[in-house]
Amino acid sequence: MSQLDKSHNRTIFVCQQCGKESLKWLGRCPNCQQWNTFIETVVTTPVISSRPLSLENPPRELSQVVTDISDRFPLPLAEFNRVLGGGLVSGSLVLIGGDPGIGKSTLLLQASASMAVARGKVVYVSGEETLHQIKLRSERLGVTGENLYLLAETDLEVILNQIEQLQPRLVVIDSIQAVNLPELGTASGSITQVRECTMRLMQWAKLKAVPIFIAGHVTKDGAIAGPRVLEHIVDVVLYLEGEPFSTFRLLRCVKNRFGSTNEVGVFEMREQGLVEVDNPSQTFLSQRSGEAIGSAVVPTLEGSRPLLVEIQALTNPTSFGLPRRTANGVDFGRLLLITAVLTKRVGLKLGNQDIIANVTGGLRIGEPAADLGIALAIASSFRDMEVDPELVVMGEVGLSGELRAISHLDRRVAEAARLGFKRCLVPKTSARVNPALKAIKLIPASTLREAIGVGLVSGK
């Protein structure tokens, strides 16, 4: 008797955000709390007869498992390697998400061409473009295409058969929402299709020890389109971020089974494609005015990399009864906290002021170490006084107006000294740094009021 004895169809409703299933339509998903996300889906449920357990893959003792140094190989792109944790692992499944037009296909095509030259055959599968369209893009990027095989196909069974014959060193799927399995009987991009196609690709990658890149669309909230289980299936999740008006792109790692998370690679979009930024701190500060009011430089930490960014603030008497608070690149809650501390503990009358805080270059800072930079920029704009142009600041601001210690002070100070800054304003509780860093002077401060008095030009 065949293993697939019979099957029957049933209709369910599936949340397009988290993948929760329901027998009836719901206006709000009880799992992810999103509205109007349930879509009617027809599911074919096969009934499979039981069979004995297979002993072809028995358990092995951990001490007997041998790793090979060739299991991880570096990509020709240094920024890509940083985000991946040192290189690409054989058999890994890497998901890259990003807004439409942000540069996902461009980055994947450049990485594919570089890998084809360095290591051999690479298959680039596109379900959204024809071969002629990819060729036009490759000519613009200067990609010649040796050992790079293109395949315009959406049927996953056909794709797996083709790459099985070619035996490539790398496979790229652009995008996972475009491929489908016809036997599922649902449209491409649905919950069932995305999940099952990713599972098939994952099984093939592990079996053949061939890494696979898959591109994924994102929703309006910036999350990968499809169920959250998709991010649990893959080994690495990368997001390509960037503001529409900015040429800089950040490749951010949010999950990595083979390395650290929250690593960031910096690229710049040019006519020849995405170009690596070797010195992002100097690039972000290249347009900074030395005597700007309401501007402070903060050494922030993205993963293991210190970056010097400029935080700007502007205060202006409000024209309405309720003052506005606007945060671009910083957390809105932190801006409200710092504003309240400046009003209560420092004595700045900000109750009738519109306050705008912005991080230049389209970056986003989430760590509390930038609190002191935001506070100093607001105080500088409110008092119309300049910040010391040779000063960098860092520190977390507490509700009592005290400055709290921050982590990895040596890395931040070393990066500031490398770019020529002479002074560094730090919390007094963490004013200990490597004695070898003599090119920069540490200025400790215990309270926010004291730090503002030191940081502004009139208080030097």
Protein backbone atom coordinates (compact mmCIF):
# COMPACT_ATOMS: atom_id res chain seq x y z
CA MET A 1 0.00 0.00 0.00
CA SER A 2 1.28 3.45 -0.89
CA GLN A 3 2.40 5.73 1.91
CA LEU A 4 0.07 8.47 0.62
CA ASP A 5 -3.23 6.66 1.12
CA LYS A 6 -5.66 9.52 0.75
CA SER A 7 -5.99 13.26 1.19
CA HIS A 8 -8.74 15.75 1.76
CA ASN A 9 -9.11 19.51 1.44
CA ARG A 10 -10.14 21.84 4.22
CA THR A 11 -10.56 25.59 4.44
CA ILE A 12 -8.85 27.53 7.21
CA PHE A 13 -7.94 31.15 7.87
CA VAL A 14 -4.23 31.95 8.28
CA CYS A 15 -2.72 35.14 9.73
CA GLN A 16 -0.33 36.66 7.20
CA GLN A 17 1.85 38.14 9.95
CA CYS A 18 2.50 35.28 12.37
CA GLY A 19 1.02 32.22 10.65
CA LYS A 20 -1.65 31.45 13.28
CA GLU A 21 -4.44 29.25 11.94
CA SER A 22 -8.12 29.61 12.75
CA LEU A 23 -11.26 27.76 11.66
CA LYS A 24 -13.11 31.04 11.22
CA TRP A 25 -12.23 34.56 10.16
CA LEU A 26 -11.09 36.91 12.92
CA GLY A 27 -10.77 40.66 12.69
CA ARG A 28 -7.79 40.75 15.06
CA CYS A 29 -5.18 38.03 15.44
CA PRO A 30 -5.06 36.86 19.08
CA ASN A 31 -1.38 35.92 18.66
CA CYS A 32 0.28 38.99 17.09
CA GLN A 33 -2.55 41.51 17.76
CA GLN A 34 -2.62 42.67 14.12
CA TRP A 35 -5.86 43.69 12.41
CA ASN A 36 -7.31 42.25 9.16
CA THR A 37 -4.51 39.77 8.57
CA PHE A 38 -6.52 36.53 8.25
CA ILE A 39 -6.75 35.17 4.70
CA GLU A 40 -8.85 32.20 3.64
CA THR A 41 -6.61 29.31 2.58
CA VAL A 42 -7.40 25.86 1.18
CA VAL A 43 -5.10 23.25 2.70
CA THR A 44 -4.59 19.74 1.39
CA THR A 45 -3.98 17.40 4.31
CA PRO A 46 -2.40 14.08 3.34
CA VAL A 47 -2.91 11.02 5.50
CA ILE A 48 0.37 9.09 5.67
CA SER A 49 0.54 5.51 6.89
CA SER A 50 2.92 4.73 9.71
CA ARG A 51 6.33 3.24 8.95
CA PRO A 52 9.22 2.04 11.11
CA LEU A 53 11.86 4.47 12.22
CA SER A 54 14.92 4.79 9.99
CA LEU A 55 18.34 3.96 11.44
CA GLU A 56 20.30 5.50 8.57
CA ASN A 57 21.15 8.56 10.69
CA PRO A 58 21.83 7.28 14.22
CA PRO A 59 22.80 9.57 17.12
CA ARG A 60 26.49 10.42 17.42
CA GLU A 61 28.49 11.46 20.45
CA LEU A 62 29.42 15.14 20.38
CA SER A 63 33.09 14.42 21.02
CA GLN A 64 33.18 12.23 17.88
CA VAL A 65 31.81 14.92 15.54
CA VAL A 66 34.66 16.35 13.44
CA THR A 67 34.54 19.86 11.97
CA ASP A 68 36.46 20.94 8.90
CA ILE A 69 38.03 24.36 8.43
CA SER A 70 36.65 24.39 4.88
CA ASP A 71 33.10 24.44 6.26
CA ARG A 72 33.35 28.25 6.40
CA PHE A 73 34.75 30.24 3.49
CA PRO A 74 35.01 34.01 3.17
CA LEU A 75 33.14 36.07 0.61
CA PRO A 76 35.06 38.55 -1.57
CA LEU A 77 33.08 41.36 0.14
CA ALA A 78 34.66 42.31 3.48
CA GLU A 79 31.55 44.06 4.84
CA PHE A 80 29.44 41.02 3.97
CA ASN A 81 31.92 38.79 5.82
CA ARG A 82 31.69 40.97 8.92
CA VAL A 83 27.92 40.59 9.06
CA LEU A 84 28.05 36.83 8.44
CA GLY A 85 30.55 36.35 11.26
CA GLY A 86 33.67 35.74 9.18
CA GLY A 87 32.34 33.98 6.12
CA LEU A 88 29.66 31.75 4.64
CA VAL A 89 29.08 28.33 6.22
CA SER A 90 28.53 25.32 3.96
CA GLY A 91 24.90 24.21 3.91
CA SER A 92 23.63 27.40 5.55
CA LEU A 93 20.39 29.12 4.56
CA VAL A 94 20.66 32.92 4.62
CA LEU A 95 17.59 35.17 4.41
CA ILE A 96 18.01 38.79 3.25
CA GLY A 97 15.07 41.16 3.67
CA GLY A 98 14.56 44.80 2.86
CA ASP A 99 12.20 47.39 1.43
CA PRO A 100 11.47 47.37 -2.32
CA GLY A 101 14.25 49.09 -4.27
CA ILE A 102 16.65 49.14 -1.33
CA GLY A 103 19.26 47.07 -3.22
CA LYS A 104 18.71 43.40 -2.26
CA SER A 105 18.94 42.08 -5.83
CA THR A 106 21.92 44.32 -6.56
CA LEU A 107 23.82 43.07 -3.51
CA LEU A 108 23.00 39.43 -4.26
CA LEU A 109 24.06 39.74 -7.89
CA GLN A 110 27.36 41.37 -6.90
CA ALA A 111 28.02 38.69 -4.27
CA SER A 112 27.12 35.94 -6.76
CA ALA A 113 29.49 37.31 -9.41
CA SER A 114 32.33 37.60 -6.89
CA MET A 115 31.75 34.05 -5.62
CA ALA A 116 31.61 32.69 -9.18
CA VAL A 117 35.04 34.14 -9.91
CA ALA A 118 36.55 33.01 -6.59
CA ARG A 119 35.05 29.55 -6.03
CA GLY A 120 33.25 28.24 -9.13
CA LYS A 121 29.68 27.73 -10.30
CA VAL A 122 26.93 29.90 -8.86
CA VAL A 123 23.24 29.64 -9.78
CA TYR A 124 21.14 32.81 -9.59
CA VAL A 125 17.41 32.00 -9.69
CA SER A 126 15.02 34.87 -10.37
CA GLY A 127 11.28 34.51 -10.17
CA GLU A 128 10.58 38.19 -10.78
CA GLU A 129 12.91 39.15 -13.68
CA THR A 130 13.72 37.74 -17.08
CA LEU A 131 17.22 36.81 -18.15
CA HIS A 132 17.45 39.93 -20.33
CA GLN A 133 16.53 42.19 -17.41
CA ILE A 134 19.20 40.59 -15.23
CA LYS A 135 21.71 40.99 -18.07
CA LEU A 136 20.96 44.72 -18.31
CA ARG A 137 21.49 45.10 -14.57
CA SER A 138 24.73 43.12 -14.71
CA GLU A 139 26.09 45.41 -17.45
CA ARG A 140 25.34 48.44 -15.30
CA LEU A 141 27.17 46.81 -12.36
CA GLY A 142 30.12 45.74 -14.48
CA VAL A 143 29.49 42.01 -13.89
CA THR A 144 30.98 39.82 -16.63
CA GLY A 145 29.26 36.58 -15.58
CA GLU A 146 31.85 33.79 -15.81
CA ASN A 147 30.62 30.70 -13.92
CA LEU A 148 27.39 32.57 -13.06
CA TYR A 149 24.33 30.67 -14.31
CA LEU A 150 20.96 32.42 -14.53
CA LEU A 151 17.61 30.67 -14.21
CA ALA A 152 14.24 32.43 -14.60
CA GLU A 153 11.84 29.96 -12.97
CA THR A 154 9.18 29.89 -10.25
CA ASP A 155 8.48 26.13 -9.96
CA LEU A 156 10.60 24.92 -7.05
CA GLU A 157 10.73 21.33 -8.32
CA VAL A 158 12.22 22.51 -11.61
CA ILE A 159 14.67 24.74 -9.72
CA LEU A 160 15.87 21.87 -7.52
CA ASN A 161 16.30 19.59 -10.53
CA GLN A 162 18.38 22.18 -12.39
CA ILE A 163 20.70 22.99 -9.50
CA GLU A 164 21.05 19.26 -8.81
CA GLN A 165 22.47 18.81 -12.29
CA LEU A 166 24.80 21.83 -12.14
CA GLN A 167 26.19 21.10 -8.64
CA PRO A 168 26.98 24.78 -7.84
CA ARG A 169 28.97 26.19 -4.93
CA LEU A 170 26.28 28.78 -4.13
CA VAL A 171 22.58 29.22 -4.94
CA VAL A 172 20.61 32.49 -4.85
CA ILE A 173 16.79 32.57 -4.82
CA ASP A 174 15.26 35.96 -5.64
CA SER A 175 12.73 35.94 -4.11
CA ILE A 176 11.18 33.31 -1.84
CA GLN A 177 7.71 34.86 -2.31
CA ALA A 178 7.94 34.26 -6.09
CA VAL A 179 8.65 30.50 -6.08
CA ASN A 180 5.94 27.91 -5.51
CA LEU A 181 5.10 24.23 -5.32
CA PRO A 182 2.18 23.49 -7.72
CA GLU A 183 0.97 20.48 -5.72
CA LEU A 184 0.06 22.71 -2.77
CA GLY A 185 -2.69 24.37 -4.80
CA THR A 186 -2.20 27.86 -3.30
CA ALA A 187 -0.92 31.12 -4.78
CA SER A 188 2.73 32.15 -4.67
CA GLY A 189 3.61 34.18 -1.59
CA SER A 190 0.97 32.57 0.63
CA ILE A 191 1.81 31.28 4.08
CA THR A 192 1.79 27.64 2.98
CA GLN A 193 3.92 28.25 -0.11
CA VAL A 194 6.57 30.34 1.65
CA ARG A 195 6.92 27.90 4.52
CA GLU A 196 7.05 24.72 2.43
CA CYS A 197 9.42 26.18 -0.19
CA THR A 198 11.81 27.33 2.52
CA MET A 199 11.72 23.89 4.16
CA ARG A 200 12.55 22.21 0.83
CA LEU A 201 15.45 24.57 0.22
CA MET A 202 16.74 24.05 3.75
CA GLN A 203 16.68 20.25 3.37
CA TRP A 204 18.51 20.42 0.03
CA ALA A 205 21.16 22.83 1.41
CA LYS A 206 21.90 20.61 4.42
CA LEU A 207 22.01 17.46 2.28
CA LYS A 208 24.35 18.89 -0.38
CA ALA A 209 26.36 21.21 1.94
CA VAL A 210 25.72 24.12 -0.44
CA PRO A 211 24.85 27.57 1.00
CA ILE A 212 21.70 29.28 -0.27
CA PHE A 213 20.79 32.98 -0.21
CA ILE A 214 17.09 33.76 -0.35
CA ALA A 215 15.65 37.26 -0.70
CA GLY A 216 12.43 38.08 1.14
CA HIS A 217 9.92 40.88 0.80
CA VAL A 218 9.00 42.93 3.86
CA THR A 219 5.67 44.23 5.10
CA LYS A 220 4.82 47.87 5.75
CA ASP A 221 6.06 47.40 9.32
CA GLY A 222 9.48 46.27 8.07
CA ALA A 223 9.14 42.58 9.01
CA ILE A 224 9.77 39.70 6.62
CA ALA A 225 6.53 38.98 4.72
CA GLY A 226 5.10 35.62 5.72
CA PRO A 227 5.01 33.76 9.04
CA ARG A 228 7.58 34.38 11.72
CA VAL A 229 8.42 30.67 11.50
CA LEU A 230 10.29 31.53 8.28
CA GLU A 231 12.96 33.31 10.32
CA HIS A 232 13.22 30.27 12.60
CA ILE A 233 13.85 27.90 9.69
CA VAL A 234 16.81 29.76 8.23
CA ASP A 235 20.27 29.97 9.79
CA VAL A 236 21.00 33.67 9.23
CA VAL A 237 18.61 36.62 8.93
CA LEU A 238 19.94 39.85 7.42
CA TYR A 239 18.14 43.15 6.85
CA LEU A 240 19.25 45.72 4.28
CA GLU A 241 18.26 49.11 5.65
CA GLY A 242 18.52 52.68 4.45
CA GLU A 243 16.59 55.89 4.09
CA PRO A 244 15.11 56.60 0.62
CA PHE A 245 16.93 59.96 0.43
CA SER A 246 20.28 58.56 1.61
CA THR A 247 22.89 56.73 -0.46
CA PHE A 248 24.09 54.66 2.50
CA ARG A 249 22.82 51.14 3.10
CA LEU A 250 23.27 49.16 6.31
CA LEU A 251 23.33 45.36 6.20
CA ARG A 252 22.27 44.35 9.71
CA CYS A 253 22.34 40.83 11.18
CA VAL A 254 19.51 39.97 13.57
CA LYS A 255 20.03 36.20 13.73
CA ASN A 256 23.16 34.13 13.15
CA ARG A 257 23.65 30.55 14.26
CA PHE A 258 27.33 30.71 13.36
CA GLY A 259 28.39 34.10 14.71
CA SER A 260 27.42 37.18 16.67
CA THR A 261 24.25 39.13 16.02
CA ASN A 262 23.69 42.87 15.57
CA GLU A 263 26.73 43.20 13.31
CA VAL A 264 26.45 45.91 10.67
CA GLY A 265 28.02 46.27 7.23
CA VAL A 266 28.04 49.71 5.61
CA PHE A 267 27.60 50.18 1.85
CA GLU A 268 27.06 53.15 -0.41
CA MET A 269 24.78 53.00 -3.44
CA ARG A 270 26.52 54.31 -6.55
CA GLU A 271 26.10 53.90 -10.30
CA GLN A 272 28.24 50.75 -10.25
CA GLY A 273 26.15 49.22 -7.47
CA LEU A 274 26.75 48.86 -3.73
CA VAL A 275 30.28 49.88 -2.77
CA GLU A 276 31.80 49.00 0.61
CA VAL A 277 32.53 51.88 2.98
CA ASP A 278 35.95 51.20 4.49
CA ASN A 279 35.85 54.01 7.06
CA PRO A 280 32.19 54.67 7.92
CA SER A 281 32.95 56.97 10.89
CA GLN A 282 34.91 59.40 8.72
CA THR A 283 32.23 59.19 6.02
CA PHE A 284 29.39 60.04 8.38
CA LEU A 285 31.31 62.99 9.84
CA SER A 286 32.67 64.32 6.52
CA GLN A 287 30.00 67.04 6.21
CA ARG A 288 30.02 68.11 9.86
CA SER A 289 30.64 71.78 10.54
CA GLY A 290 33.26 72.42 13.18
CA GLU A 291 31.26 75.19 14.86
CA ALA A 292 27.72 73.84 14.49
CA ILE A 293 25.24 74.66 17.25
CA GLY A 294 23.09 71.78 18.42
CA SER A 295 25.47 69.08 17.20
CA ALA A 296 27.35 66.43 19.20
CA VAL A 297 29.50 63.48 18.13
CA VAL A 298 28.81 60.14 19.82
CA PRO A 299 30.88 56.92 19.53
CA THR A 300 28.19 54.27 19.20
CA LEU A 301 28.74 50.53 19.00
CA GLU A 302 27.15 48.46 16.22
CA GLY A 303 27.94 44.87 17.10
CA SER A 304 31.70 44.82 17.59
CA ARG A 305 32.33 47.91 15.44
CA PRO A 306 32.55 51.43 16.93
CA LEU A 307 31.01 54.13 14.74
CA LEU A 308 31.22 57.88 15.28
CA VAL A 309 27.93 59.53 14.39
CA GLU A 310 26.67 63.07 14.58
CA ILE A 311 23.52 63.78 16.58
CA GLN A 312 21.75 67.06 15.84
CA ALA A 313 19.02 68.75 17.83
CA LEU A 314 16.88 71.84 17.27
CA THR A 315 14.68 73.64 19.76
CA ASN A 316 12.18 76.30 18.80
CA PRO A 317 9.29 77.98 20.64
CA THR A 318 6.10 76.17 19.72
CA SER A 319 3.39 77.90 17.71
CA PHE A 320 0.70 75.70 19.23
CA GLY A 321 -0.41 74.89 22.74
CA LEU A 322 1.22 71.46 22.82
CA PRO A 323 4.96 71.32 21.91
CA ARG A 324 6.05 68.66 19.47
CA ARG A 325 8.78 66.05 19.93
CA THR A 326 10.28 64.52 16.79
CA ALA A 327 12.92 61.76 16.79
CA ASN A 328 14.72 60.60 13.63
CA GLY A 329 17.19 57.79 14.21
CA VAL A 330 16.80 57.75 18.01
CA ASP A 331 14.18 56.13 20.19
CA PHE A 332 11.22 58.43 20.82
CA GLY A 333 10.90 57.24 24.42
CA ARG A 334 14.53 58.09 25.15
CA LEU A 335 14.01 61.57 23.71
CA LEU A 336 11.08 62.16 26.06
CA LEU A 337 13.12 60.86 29.02
CA ILE A 338 16.10 63.11 28.26
CA THR A 339 13.83 66.12 27.75
CA ALA A 340 12.20 65.53 31.12
CA VAL A 341 15.57 65.20 32.89
CA LEU A 342 16.87 68.39 31.25
CA THR A 343 13.77 70.24 32.44
CA LYS A 344 13.65 68.87 35.97
CA ARG A 345 17.32 68.31 36.91
CA VAL A 346 19.21 70.84 34.78
CA GLY A 347 16.66 73.65 34.82
CA LEU A 348 16.17 74.14 31.07
CA LYS A 349 12.67 75.44 30.39
CA LEU A 350 11.73 73.14 27.52
CA GLY A 351 8.00 72.97 28.26
CA ASN A 352 7.16 75.44 25.47
CA GLN A 353 9.79 74.25 22.98
CA ASP A 354 9.44 72.05 19.91
CA ILE A 355 12.35 69.60 19.98
CA ILE A 356 13.70 67.76 16.96
CA ALA A 357 16.50 65.18 17.29
CA ASN A 358 18.16 63.65 14.25
CA VAL A 359 21.02 61.23 13.50
CA THR A 360 22.81 62.20 10.29
CA GLY A 361 23.41 59.69 7.50
CA GLY A 362 20.14 57.82 7.99
CA LEU A 363 21.50 55.74 10.88
CA ARG A 364 19.45 54.48 13.81
CA ILE A 365 20.89 54.37 17.33
CA GLY A 366 19.24 52.19 19.94
CA GLU A 367 21.77 52.01 22.77
CA PRO A 368 21.55 54.22 25.90
CA ALA A 369 25.19 55.37 25.45
CA ALA A 370 23.90 58.07 23.09
CA ASP A 371 21.80 59.73 25.82
CA LEU A 372 24.48 62.24 26.75
CA GLY A 373 25.00 63.24 23.10
CA ILE A 374 21.28 63.87 22.65
CA ALA A 375 21.11 65.90 25.86
CA LEU A 376 24.16 67.99 24.98
CA ALA A 377 22.82 68.71 21.48
CA ILE A 378 19.46 69.85 22.92
CA ALA A 379 21.16 72.07 25.51
CA SER A 380 23.42 73.56 22.86
CA SER A 381 20.48 74.47 20.63
CA PHE A 382 18.38 75.83 23.51
CA ARG A 383 21.19 78.03 24.87
CA ASP A 384 22.44 78.88 21.36
CA MET A 385 25.97 77.88 22.37
CA GLU A 386 28.43 75.72 20.47
CA VAL A 387 29.63 72.29 21.53
CA ASP A 388 33.38 71.87 21.78
CA PRO A 389 34.30 70.78 18.20
CA GLU A 390 37.14 68.52 19.43
CA LEU A 391 34.93 66.70 21.94
CA VAL A 392 33.08 63.37 21.73
CA VAL A 393 30.52 62.44 24.38
CA MET A 394 29.02 59.18 25.60
CA GLY A 395 27.02 58.08 28.59
CA GLU A 396 23.63 56.90 29.80
CA VAL A 397 21.42 59.47 31.54
CA GLY A 398 19.48 58.39 34.61
CA LEU A 399 16.20 59.86 35.86
CA SER A 400 18.00 61.60 38.71
CA GLY A 401 20.30 63.39 36.28
CA GLU A 402 23.28 61.12 36.98
CA LEU A 403 25.52 59.67 34.28
CA ARG A 404 25.77 55.89 34.25
CA ALA A 405 28.60 53.69 33.03
CA ILE A 406 28.70 52.26 29.50
CA SER A 407 30.33 49.16 28.03
CA HIS A 408 33.36 48.81 25.72
CA LEU A 409 34.77 52.22 26.55
CA ASP A 410 38.22 51.39 25.14
CA ARG A 411 36.88 50.67 21.65
CA ARG A 412 34.87 53.86 21.52
CA VAL A 413 37.73 56.05 22.77
CA ALA A 414 40.21 54.44 20.37
CA GLU A 415 37.95 55.18 17.40
CA ALA A 416 37.56 58.81 18.50
CA ALA A 417 41.32 59.19 18.91
CA ARG A 418 41.93 57.67 15.47
CA LEU A 419 39.76 60.36 13.86
CA GLY A 420 41.61 63.20 15.59
CA PHE A 421 39.34 64.15 18.52
CA LYS A 422 41.25 65.54 21.51
CA ARG A 423 38.78 65.21 24.38
CA CYS A 424 36.19 62.65 25.44
CA LEU A 425 33.40 63.35 27.93
CA VAL A 426 32.50 60.15 29.80
CA PRO A 427 30.65 59.15 32.99
CA LYS A 428 32.84 59.33 36.06
CA THR A 429 32.02 55.74 37.03
CA SER A 430 33.58 54.39 33.80
CA ALA A 431 36.49 56.82 33.30
CA ARG A 432 39.05 54.04 33.08
CA VAL A 433 40.69 53.39 29.75
CA ASN A 434 43.77 51.72 28.34
CA PRO A 435 46.82 53.82 29.31
CA ALA A 436 48.16 53.37 25.77
CA LEU A 437 45.47 55.77 24.48
CA LYS A 438 47.33 58.96 25.39
CA ALA A 439 46.27 60.92 22.31
CA ILE A 440 42.88 61.78 23.82
CA LYS A 441 42.00 63.31 27.19
CA LEU A 442 39.18 61.83 29.26
CA ILE A 443 36.91 64.31 31.02
CA PRO A 444 34.80 62.58 33.70
CA ALA A 445 31.42 63.93 34.78
CA SER A 446 29.05 62.54 37.38
CA THR A 447 25.88 64.50 36.54
CA LEU A 448 24.22 65.81 33.41
CA ARG A 449 24.43 69.39 34.68
CA GLU A 450 28.20 69.05 35.09
CA ALA A 451 28.57 67.49 31.62
CA ILE A 452 26.68 70.34 29.96
CA GLY A 453 28.88 72.88 31.73
CA VAL A 454 31.97 71.15 30.39
CA GLY A 455 30.72 70.31 26.91
CA LEU A 456 29.58 73.73 25.79
CA VAL A 457 32.26 76.09 24.54
CA SER A 458 31.72 78.74 27.21
CA GLY A 459 32.31 76.17 29.92
CA LYS A 460 35.70 74.88 28.76
